[in-house]
Amino acid sequence: MRAWQALVEMLRHKREGSRVRNQLAAMTERELLDCGMTRAEITYELHKPRLRQ
């Protein structure tokens, strides 16, 4: 049962990461500056290999 729970938790984590990346990609330059982030940082996060996320 623990393996199943671990799999479900991993999928939830991946889905949450995907949701956050999509929200960051949709932010304006002003919103990113308010968060202390740059478009280059967001682009890097969106394009880095999934295993490193």
PDB file of N, CA and C in Angstrom:
ATOM      1  N   MET A   1       0.822  -1.203   0.000  1.00  0.00           N
ATOM      2  CA  MET A   1       0.000   0.000   0.000  1.00  0.00           C
ATOM      3  C   MET A   1       0.865   1.266   0.000  1.00  0.00           C
ATOM      4  N   ARG A   2       2.004   1.225   0.685  1.00  0.00           N
ATOM      5  CA  ARG A   2       2.859   2.406   0.743  1.00  0.00           C
ATOM      6  C   ARG A   2       3.374   2.799  -0.634  1.00  0.00           C
ATOM      7  N   ALA A   3       3.688   1.808  -1.463  1.00  0.00           N
ATOM      8  CA  ALA A   3       4.178   2.116  -2.815  1.00  0.00           C
ATOM      9  C   ALA A   3       3.104   2.868  -3.592  1.00  0.00           C
ATOM     10  N   TRP A   4       1.866   2.451  -3.457  1.00  0.00           N
ATOM     11  CA  TRP A   4       0.758   3.119  -4.144  1.00  0.00           C
ATOM     12  C   TRP A   4       0.626   4.557  -3.657  1.00  0.00           C
ATOM     13  N   GLN A   5       0.697   4.751  -2.358  1.00  0.00           N
ATOM     14  CA  GLN A   5       0.601   6.094  -1.790  1.00  0.00           C
ATOM     15  C   GLN A   5       1.759   6.971  -2.257  1.00  0.00           C
ATOM     16  N   ALA A   6       2.949   6.401  -2.343  1.00  0.00           N
ATOM     17  CA  ALA A   6       4.113   7.157  -2.818  1.00  0.00           C
ATOM     18  C   ALA A   6       3.922   7.571  -4.269  1.00  0.00           C
ATOM     19  N   LEU A   7       3.367   6.679  -5.078  1.00  0.00           N
ATOM     20  CA  LEU A   7       3.114   6.994  -6.485  1.00  0.00           C
ATOM     21  C   LEU A   7       2.089   8.121  -6.607  1.00  0.00           C
ATOM     22  N   VAL A   8       1.022   8.041  -5.847  1.00  0.00           N
ATOM     23  CA  VAL A   8      -0.010   9.078  -5.872  1.00  0.00           C
ATOM     24  C   VAL A   8       0.586  10.419  -5.442  1.00  0.00           C
ATOM     25  N   GLU A   9       1.405  10.407  -4.403  1.00  0.00           N
ATOM     26  CA  GLU A   9       2.029  11.643  -3.926  1.00  0.00           C
ATOM     27  C   GLU A   9       2.982  12.214  -4.971  1.00  0.00           C
ATOM     28  N   MET A  10       3.728  11.360  -5.651  1.00  0.00           N
ATOM     29  CA  MET A  10       4.641  11.819  -6.694  1.00  0.00           C
ATOM     30  C   MET A  10       3.865  12.478  -7.832  1.00  0.00           C
ATOM     31  N   LEU A  11       2.746  11.884  -8.219  1.00  0.00           N
ATOM     32  CA  LEU A  11       1.930  12.455  -9.288  1.00  0.00           C
ATOM     33  C   LEU A  11       1.331  13.795  -8.870  1.00  0.00           C
ATOM     34  N   ARG A  12       0.908  13.902  -7.631  1.00  0.00           N
ATOM     35  CA  ARG A  12       0.393  15.182  -7.120  1.00  0.00           C
ATOM     36  C   ARG A  12       1.473  16.252  -7.159  1.00  0.00           C
ATOM     37  N   HIS A  13       2.666  15.883  -6.761  1.00  0.00           N
ATOM     38  CA  HIS A  13       3.790  16.826  -6.757  1.00  0.00           C
ATOM     39  C   HIS A  13       4.104  17.294  -8.178  1.00  0.00           C
ATOM     40  N   LYS A  14       4.134  16.383  -9.130  1.00  0.00           N
ATOM     41  CA  LYS A  14       4.412  16.739 -10.521  1.00  0.00           C
ATOM     42  C   LYS A  14       3.320  17.654 -11.074  1.00  0.00           C
ATOM     43  N   ARG A  15       2.063  17.361 -10.749  1.00  0.00           N
ATOM     44  CA  ARG A  15       0.944  18.183 -11.216  1.00  0.00           C
ATOM     45  C   ARG A  15       1.024  19.593 -10.632  1.00  0.00           C
ATOM     46  N   GLU A  16       1.367  19.682  -9.364  1.00  0.00           N
ATOM     47  CA  GLU A  16       1.502  20.993  -8.719  1.00  0.00           C
ATOM     48  C   GLU A  16       2.634  21.786  -9.367  1.00  0.00           C
ATOM     49  N   GLY A  17       3.755  21.132  -9.636  1.00  0.00           N
ATOM     50  CA  GLY A  17       4.870  21.804 -10.296  1.00  0.00           C
ATOM     51  C   GLY A  17       4.480  22.313 -11.672  1.00  0.00           C
ATOM     52  N   SER A  18       3.723  21.515 -12.387  1.00  0.00           N
ATOM     53  CA  SER A  18       3.258  21.915 -13.714  1.00  0.00           C
ATOM     54  C   SER A  18       2.341  23.130 -13.617  1.00  0.00           C
ATOM     55  N   ARG A  19       1.466  23.125 -12.636  1.00  0.00           N
ATOM     56  CA  ARG A  19       0.537  24.242 -12.440  1.00  0.00           C
ATOM     57  C   ARG A  19       1.308  25.526 -12.128  1.00  0.00           C
ATOM     58  N   VAL A  20       2.288  25.427 -11.260  1.00  0.00           N
ATOM     59  CA  VAL A  20       3.087  26.600 -10.885  1.00  0.00           C
ATOM     60  C   VAL A  20       3.864  27.122 -12.088  1.00  0.00           C
ATOM     61  N   ARG A  21       4.478  26.229 -12.856  1.00  0.00           N
ATOM     62  CA  ARG A  21       5.226  26.671 -14.045  1.00  0.00           C
ATOM     63  C   ARG A  21       4.309  27.373 -15.030  1.00  0.00           C
ATOM     64  N   ASN A  22       3.102  26.862 -15.216  1.00  0.00           N
ATOM     65  CA  ASN A  22       2.149  27.507 -16.124  1.00  0.00           C
ATOM     66  C   ASN A  22       1.755  28.893 -15.621  1.00  0.00           C
ATOM     67  N   GLN A  23       1.561  29.026 -14.323  1.00  0.00           N
ATOM     68  CA  GLN A  23       1.219  30.333 -13.766  1.00  0.00           C
ATOM     69  C   GLN A  23       2.368  31.322 -13.936  1.00  0.00           C
ATOM     70  N   LEU A  24       3.588  30.871 -13.692  1.00  0.00           N
ATOM     71  CA  LEU A  24       4.743  31.751 -13.861  1.00  0.00           C
ATOM     72  C   LEU A  24       4.894  32.182 -15.312  1.00  0.00           C
ATOM     73  N   ALA A  25       4.669  31.269 -16.234  1.00  0.00           N
ATOM     74  CA  ALA A  25       4.797  31.589 -17.657  1.00  0.00           C
ATOM     75  C   ALA A  25       3.770  32.634 -18.082  1.00  0.00           C
ATOM     76  N   ALA A  26       2.634  32.664 -17.408  1.00  0.00           N
ATOM     77  CA  ALA A  26       1.564  33.591 -17.777  1.00  0.00           C
ATOM     78  C   ALA A  26       1.725  34.975 -17.142  1.00  0.00           C
ATOM     79  N   MET A  27       2.672  35.126 -16.227  1.00  0.00           N
ATOM     80  CA  MET A  27       2.836  36.401 -15.525  1.00  0.00           C
ATOM     81  C   MET A  27       3.436  37.466 -16.433  1.00  0.00           C
ATOM     82  N   THR A  28       3.056  38.706 -16.165  1.00  0.00           N
ATOM     83  CA  THR A  28       3.620  39.839 -16.902  1.00  0.00           C
ATOM     84  C   THR A  28       5.007  40.158 -16.340  1.00  0.00           C
ATOM     85  N   GLU A  29       5.755  40.968 -17.080  1.00  0.00           N
ATOM     86  CA  GLU A  29       7.080  41.385 -16.613  1.00  0.00           C
ATOM     87  C   GLU A  29       6.981  42.095 -15.261  1.00  0.00           C
ATOM     88  N   ARG A  30       5.968  42.919 -15.109  1.00  0.00           N
ATOM     89  CA  ARG A  30       5.770  43.659 -13.854  1.00  0.00           C
ATOM     90  C   ARG A  30       5.504  42.699 -12.693  1.00  0.00           C
ATOM     91  N   GLU A  31       4.660  41.703 -12.917  1.00  0.00           N
ATOM     92  CA  GLU A  31       4.367  40.727 -11.869  1.00  0.00           C
ATOM     93  C   GLU A  31       5.623  39.949 -11.485  1.00  0.00           C
ATOM     94  N   LEU A  32       6.416  39.589 -12.486  1.00  0.00           N
ATOM     95  CA  LEU A  32       7.661  38.876 -12.204  1.00  0.00           C
ATOM     96  C   LEU A  32       8.612  39.739 -11.381  1.00  0.00           C
ATOM     97  N   LEU A  33       8.725  41.011 -11.739  1.00  0.00           N
ATOM     98  CA  LEU A  33       9.585  41.920 -10.977  1.00  0.00           C
ATOM     99  C   LEU A  33       9.107  42.042  -9.534  1.00  0.00           C
ATOM    100  N   ASP A  34       7.799  42.085  -9.340  1.00  0.00           N
ATOM    101  CA  ASP A  34       7.243  42.152  -7.987  1.00  0.00           C
ATOM    102  C   ASP A  34       7.623  40.920  -7.166  1.00  0.00           C
ATOM    103  N   CYS A  35       7.781  39.786  -7.838  1.00  0.00           N
ATOM    104  CA  CYS A  35       8.167  38.528  -7.178  1.00  0.00           C
ATOM    105  C   CYS A  35       9.678  38.382  -7.076  1.00  0.00           C
ATOM    106  N   GLY A  36      10.408  39.307  -7.696  1.00  0.00           N
ATOM    107  CA  GLY A  36      11.861  39.225  -7.676  1.00  0.00           C
ATOM    108  C   GLY A  36      12.422  38.222  -8.663  1.00  0.00           C
ATOM    109  N   MET A  37      11.682  37.958  -9.725  1.00  0.00           N
ATOM    110  CA  MET A  37      12.118  36.996 -10.736  1.00  0.00           C
ATOM    111  C   MET A  37      12.231  37.680 -12.086  1.00  0.00           C
ATOM    112  N   THR A  38      13.000  37.064 -12.963  1.00  0.00           N
ATOM    113  CA  THR A  38      13.138  37.588 -14.317  1.00  0.00           C
ATOM    114  C   THR A  38      12.537  36.605 -15.307  1.00  0.00           C
ATOM    115  N   ARG A  39      12.252  37.084 -16.494  1.00  0.00           N
ATOM    116  CA  ARG A  39      11.732  36.215 -17.551  1.00  0.00           C
ATOM    117  C   ARG A  39      12.752  35.117 -17.873  1.00  0.00           C
ATOM    118  N   ALA A  40      14.043  35.453 -17.808  1.00  0.00           N
ATOM    119  CA  ALA A  40      15.089  34.460 -18.089  1.00  0.00           C
ATOM    120  C   ALA A  40      15.042  33.307 -17.086  1.00  0.00           C
ATOM    121  N   GLU A  41      14.796  33.613 -15.819  1.00  0.00           N
ATOM    122  CA  GLU A  41      14.698  32.557 -14.806  1.00  0.00           C
ATOM    123  C   GLU A  41      13.501  31.652 -15.078  1.00  0.00           C
ATOM    124  N   ILE A  42      12.398  32.249 -15.470  1.00  0.00           N
ATOM    125  CA  ILE A  42      11.199  31.466 -15.769  1.00  0.00           C
ATOM    126  C   ILE A  42      11.447  30.591 -16.991  1.00  0.00           C
ATOM    127  N   THR A  43      12.060  31.159 -18.014  1.00  0.00           N
ATOM    128  CA  THR A  43      12.360  30.394 -19.225  1.00  0.00           C
ATOM    129  C   THR A  43      13.250  29.209 -18.888  1.00  0.00           C
ATOM    130  N   TYR A  44      14.246  29.425 -18.044  1.00  0.00           N
ATOM    131  CA  TYR A  44      15.130  28.341 -17.618  1.00  0.00           C
ATOM    132  C   TYR A  44      14.326  27.242 -16.928  1.00  0.00           C
ATOM    133  N   GLU A  45      13.465  27.618 -15.993  1.00  0.00           N
ATOM    134  CA  GLU A  45      12.657  26.633 -15.269  1.00  0.00           C
ATOM    135  C   GLU A  45      11.738  25.850 -16.206  1.00  0.00           C
ATOM    136  N   LEU A  46      11.189  26.537 -17.189  1.00  0.00           N
ATOM    137  CA  LEU A  46      10.266  25.874 -18.108  1.00  0.00           C
ATOM    138  C   LEU A  46      10.969  24.892 -19.033  1.00  0.00           C
ATOM    139  N   HIS A  47      12.256  25.126 -19.305  1.00  0.00           N
ATOM    140  CA  HIS A  47      12.951  24.303 -20.289  1.00  0.00           C
ATOM    141  C   HIS A  47      13.987  23.344 -19.720  1.00  0.00           C
ATOM    142  N   LYS A  48      14.207  23.351 -18.417  1.00  0.00           N
ATOM    143  CA  LYS A  48      15.204  22.433 -17.884  1.00  0.00           C
ATOM    144  C   LYS A  48      14.636  21.010 -17.889  1.00  0.00           C
ATOM    145  N   PRO A  49      15.516  20.024 -17.962  1.00  0.00           N
ATOM    146  CA  PRO A  49      15.048  18.628 -18.001  1.00  0.00           C
ATOM    147  C   PRO A  49      14.192  18.293 -16.783  1.00  0.00           C
ATOM    148  N   ARG A  50      13.168  17.530 -16.993  1.00  0.00           N
ATOM    149  CA  ARG A  50      12.211  17.198 -15.927  1.00  0.00           C
ATOM    150  C   ARG A  50      12.856  16.498 -14.736  1.00  0.00           C
ATOM    151  N   LEU A  51      13.877  15.697 -14.951  1.00  0.00           N
ATOM    152  CA  LEU A  51      14.506  14.979 -13.846  1.00  0.00           C
ATOM    153  C   LEU A  51      15.183  15.915 -12.862  1.00  0.00           C
ATOM    154  N   ARG A  52      15.540  17.114 -13.288  1.00  0.00           N
ATOM    155  CA  ARG A  52      16.206  18.070 -12.412  1.00  0.00           C
ATOM    156  C   ARG A  52      15.221  18.956 -11.677  1.00  0.00           C
ATOM    157  N   GLN A  53      13.963  18.863 -11.937  1.00  0.00           N
ATOM    158  CA  GLN A  53      12.986  19.754 -11.317  1.00  0.00           C
ATOM    159  C   GLN A  53      12.589  19.276  -9.963  1.00  0.00           C
TER     160      GLN A  53
END
